[in-house]
Protein backbone atom coordinates (compact mmCIF):
# COMPACT_ATOMS: atom_id res chain seq x y z
CA MET A 1 71.79 -42.51 -32.44
CA VAL A 2 68.56 -43.82 -30.36
CA ALA A 3 69.97 -42.50 -27.39
CA MET A 4 70.17 -39.13 -29.16
CA TRP A 5 66.48 -39.27 -30.33
CA LEU A 6 65.93 -39.82 -27.26
CA GLN A 7 67.48 -36.49 -25.76
CA ASP A 8 66.78 -34.43 -28.57
CA MET A 9 62.85 -35.13 -28.26
CA ASP A 10 61.71 -32.45 -26.42
CA THR A 11 63.62 -29.68 -28.52
CA SER A 12 63.09 -31.52 -32.04
CA SER A 13 60.28 -30.67 -34.46
CA LEU A 14 58.17 -32.90 -36.20
CA GLY A 15 60.12 -33.05 -39.46
CA ASP A 16 63.05 -34.19 -37.68
CA THR A 17 60.81 -36.89 -35.99
CA ARG A 18 59.33 -37.97 -39.62
CA LEU A 19 62.71 -37.88 -41.36
CA LEU A 20 64.12 -40.19 -38.28
CA THR A 21 61.00 -42.71 -38.62
CA ILE A 22 62.27 -42.77 -41.80
CA PHE A 23 65.74 -43.61 -41.77
CA ILE A 24 65.00 -46.15 -39.55
CA GLY A 25 62.30 -47.44 -41.84
CA VAL A 26 64.67 -47.59 -44.48
CA VAL A 27 67.60 -49.35 -42.00
CA ALA A 28 65.02 -52.18 -41.19
CA LEU A 29 64.32 -52.56 -44.42
CA ALA A 30 67.89 -52.96 -45.69
CA LEU A 31 67.97 -55.16 -42.55
CA VAL A 32 65.25 -57.09 -44.23
CA VAL A 33 66.77 -57.62 -47.68
CA GLN A 34 70.30 -58.11 -46.02
CA THR A 35 68.72 -61.25 -44.33
CA ILE A 36 66.58 -62.33 -46.80
CA ALA A 37 69.91 -62.59 -49.36
CA ALA A 38 71.92 -64.25 -46.31
CA VAL A 39 69.23 -66.65 -46.09
CA LEU A 40 69.08 -67.47 -50.25
CA PHE A 41 72.93 -67.75 -50.03
CA ALA A 42 73.01 -69.91 -47.03
CA ALA A 43 70.45 -72.30 -49.24
CA LYS A 44 72.26 -71.87 -52.43
CA SER A 45 75.37 -72.88 -50.30
CA ALA A 46 73.82 -75.84 -48.59
CA LYS A 47 72.63 -77.22 -51.62
CA ALA A 48 76.23 -76.58 -53.61
CA ILE A 49 77.79 -78.56 -50.42
CA GLY A 50 75.66 -81.02 -51.22
CA SER A 51 76.11 -81.10 -54.84
CA LEU A 52 79.99 -81.16 -54.08
CA SER A 53 79.79 -84.05 -51.34
CA GLU A 54 77.78 -86.40 -53.88
CA SER A 55 80.52 -85.73 -56.89
CA LEU A 56 83.27 -86.33 -53.97
CA GLU A 57 81.53 -89.40 -52.76
CA ASP A 58 81.47 -90.21 -56.51
CA LEU A 59 85.39 -89.19 -56.49
CA LYS A 60 85.64 -91.28 -53.54
CA GLN A 61 84.27 -94.40 -55.38
CA LYS A 62 86.06 -94.03 -58.52
CA ALA A 63 89.27 -93.36 -56.81
CA LEU A 64 89.52 -95.52 -54.61
CA PRO A 65 89.79 -98.85 -56.91
CA LEU A 66 92.34 -96.57 -58.78
CA MET A 67 94.66 -96.31 -56.05
CA ASP A 68 94.27 -99.87 -54.72
CA SER A 69 95.49 -100.60 -58.09
CA ALA A 70 98.11 -98.29 -57.83
CA MET A 71 99.24 -99.31 -54.47
CA GLU A 72 99.70 -103.20 -55.74
CA ILE A 73 101.28 -102.24 -58.80
CA SER A 74 103.76 -100.38 -56.53
CA ARG A 75 103.94 -103.06 -54.41
CA THR A 76 104.83 -105.74 -57.71
CA THR A 77 106.75 -103.30 -59.24
CA GLU A 78 108.98 -102.89 -55.67
CA THR A 79 108.83 -106.56 -55.00
CA LEU A 80 110.06 -106.92 -59.10
CA LEU A 81 112.92 -104.32 -58.15
CA ARG A 82 113.85 -106.43 -55.05
CA GLU A 83 113.91 -109.75 -56.77
CA ASN A 84 115.86 -107.99 -59.90
CA ALA A 85 118.17 -105.50 -58.45
CA PRO A 86 121.23 -107.99 -58.71
CA LYS A 87 120.43 -108.92 -61.76
CA VAL A 88 120.24 -105.42 -63.54
CA LYS A 89 123.64 -105.01 -61.42
CA THR A 90 125.14 -108.06 -62.86
CA ILE A 91 124.00 -106.93 -66.07
CA ALA A 92 125.42 -103.35 -65.45
CA ASP A 93 129.07 -104.84 -64.60
CA ASN A 94 129.00 -107.30 -67.20
CA LEU A 95 128.19 -103.91 -69.94
CA LEU A 96 130.64 -102.14 -68.28
CA GLU A 97 133.21 -104.77 -68.87
CA THR A 98 132.26 -105.38 -72.25
CA SER A 99 132.78 -101.75 -72.93
CA GLU A 100 135.99 -101.43 -71.77
CA MET A 101 136.73 -104.68 -73.80
CA VAL A 102 135.22 -103.44 -77.14
CA ARG A 103 137.32 -99.71 -76.33
CA GLY A 104 140.48 -102.05 -75.97
CA THR A 105 140.01 -103.84 -78.97
CA ALA A 106 138.81 -100.72 -81.08
CA GLN A 107 141.99 -99.35 -79.84
CA ARG A 108 144.10 -102.34 -81.13
CA CYS A 109 142.53 -102.03 -84.17
CA GLU A 110 142.68 -98.74 -84.73
CA ARG A 111 146.91 -99.24 -84.49
CA THR A 112 147.42 -102.30 -86.35
CA ILE A 113 144.87 -100.00 -88.94
CA ALA A 114 147.61 -97.19 -88.52
CA ASP A 115 150.65 -99.97 -88.67
CA ALA A 116 149.26 -101.75 -91.93
CA ASN A 117 148.68 -98.23 -93.40
CA LEU A 118 151.89 -96.98 -92.82
CA ARG A 119 153.17 -100.36 -93.98
CA THR A 120 151.48 -100.07 -96.99
CA GLN A 121 152.65 -96.28 -97.99
CA HIS A 122 156.27 -97.65 -97.67
CA GLN A 123 155.50 -100.92 -99.65
CA MET A 124 153.81 -98.66 -102.24
CA ALA A 125 157.01 -96.48 -102.17
CA ARG A 126 159.39 -99.58 -102.49
CA VAL A 127 157.07 -100.85 -105.41
CA ASP A 128 157.30 -97.37 -107.17
CA GLY A 129 161.17 -97.15 -107.20
CA MET A 130 161.26 -100.81 -108.10
CA VAL A 131 158.87 -100.04 -110.97
CA THR A 132 160.93 -96.73 -111.94
CA ALA A 133 163.92 -98.95 -112.12
CA ALA A 134 162.73 -101.44 -114.11
CA LEU A 135 161.44 -98.78 -116.52
CA THR A 136 164.46 -97.28 -116.92
CA ALA A 137 166.22 -100.19 -117.20
CA THR A 138 164.07 -101.31 -119.99
CA VAL A 139 164.86 -97.81 -121.62
CA GLU A 140 168.31 -98.45 -120.99
CA ILE A 141 168.41 -101.92 -122.50
CA VAL A 142 166.34 -100.76 -125.63
CA GLU A 143 168.87 -98.65 -126.43
CA THR A 144 171.59 -100.31 -125.70
CA ILE A 145 169.78 -103.31 -128.15
CA GLY A 146 168.87 -100.50 -130.65
CA ASN A 147 172.69 -99.30 -130.70
CA GLY A 148 173.62 -103.08 -130.57
CA ILE A 149 171.80 -103.63 -134.22
CA ARG A 150 171.89 -100.39 -135.32
CA VAL A 151 175.68 -99.94 -135.43
CA PRO A 152 176.64 -103.32 -136.75
CA ALA A 153 173.91 -102.57 -139.20
CA GLN A 154 175.21 -99.44 -140.02
CA LYS A 155 179.00 -100.93 -140.29
CA ILE A 156 177.63 -103.92 -142.64
CA ALA A 157 175.61 -101.72 -144.39
CA ALA A 158 178.78 -99.62 -145.03
CA MET A 159 180.52 -102.54 -145.54
CA ALA A 160 178.25 -104.16 -148.54
CA GLY A 161 178.43 -100.58 -149.88
CA GLN A 162 181.94 -100.86 -150.03
CA ALA A 163 182.03 -104.49 -151.39
CA LYS A 164 179.61 -103.46 -153.86
CA LEU A 165 181.59 -100.48 -154.88
CA LEU A 166 184.68 -102.60 -155.34
CA ALA A 167 182.56 -105.72 -156.99
CA GLU A 168 181.26 -102.92 -159.05
CA GLY A 169 184.93 -101.26 -159.76
CA ALA A 170 186.12 -105.16 -160.24
CA LEU A 171 183.20 -105.78 -162.97
CA ALA A 172 183.85 -102.98 -164.74
CA LYS A 173 187.39 -103.41 -165.05
CA ILE A 174 186.69 -106.44 -166.13
CA LYS A 175 184.35 -105.63 -168.62
CA SER A 176 186.93 -102.92 -169.69
CA MET A 177 189.80 -105.76 -170.11
CA ALA A 178 186.68 -108.22 -171.95
CA ALA A 179 185.90 -105.26 -174.25
CA GLY A 180 189.61 -105.08 -175.06
CA THR A 181 190.52 -108.94 -175.46
CA ARG A 182 188.12 -110.75 -177.31
CA PHE A 183 187.36 -114.00 -176.12
CA GLY A 184 186.88 -116.43 -178.54
CA SER A 185 188.73 -114.99 -181.05
């Protein structure tokens, strides 16, 4: 731009020179404002970096003991796991074996219960048949006893009725004969 200005200096007018001077002044002012903003930004950034550095230092001081504790816990846990791994494996194996035994026992119990249930059903059917047969026999015995008592009782009643008729007939004949003859006279 300066080169153009120098070339055109001979032919340029006074108004152009003034405009060019104003433009250069505005650009210089903008550079000054930009420089001030950059300096303020750098100062604020330095202050923020310092604050961040302090915060990081505080965090570092607080986090390092925690990290040391975590490492110690990790080492202790690793030691416990190494020491107890065989015991845990034995417990797991025993648990698996116990589980298989319980499963087998449960299956045997299930078969036993099913068998007992089937036997109970058969027994109930037999008992039901026996009770039915006993009730049928009891009814037949009651009917037989009833017939055994009723038939002879009917025969005895018929004979008693015939004997009564016979006795009444004989008594009537005796009365009629006695009425025709006087005793004692």
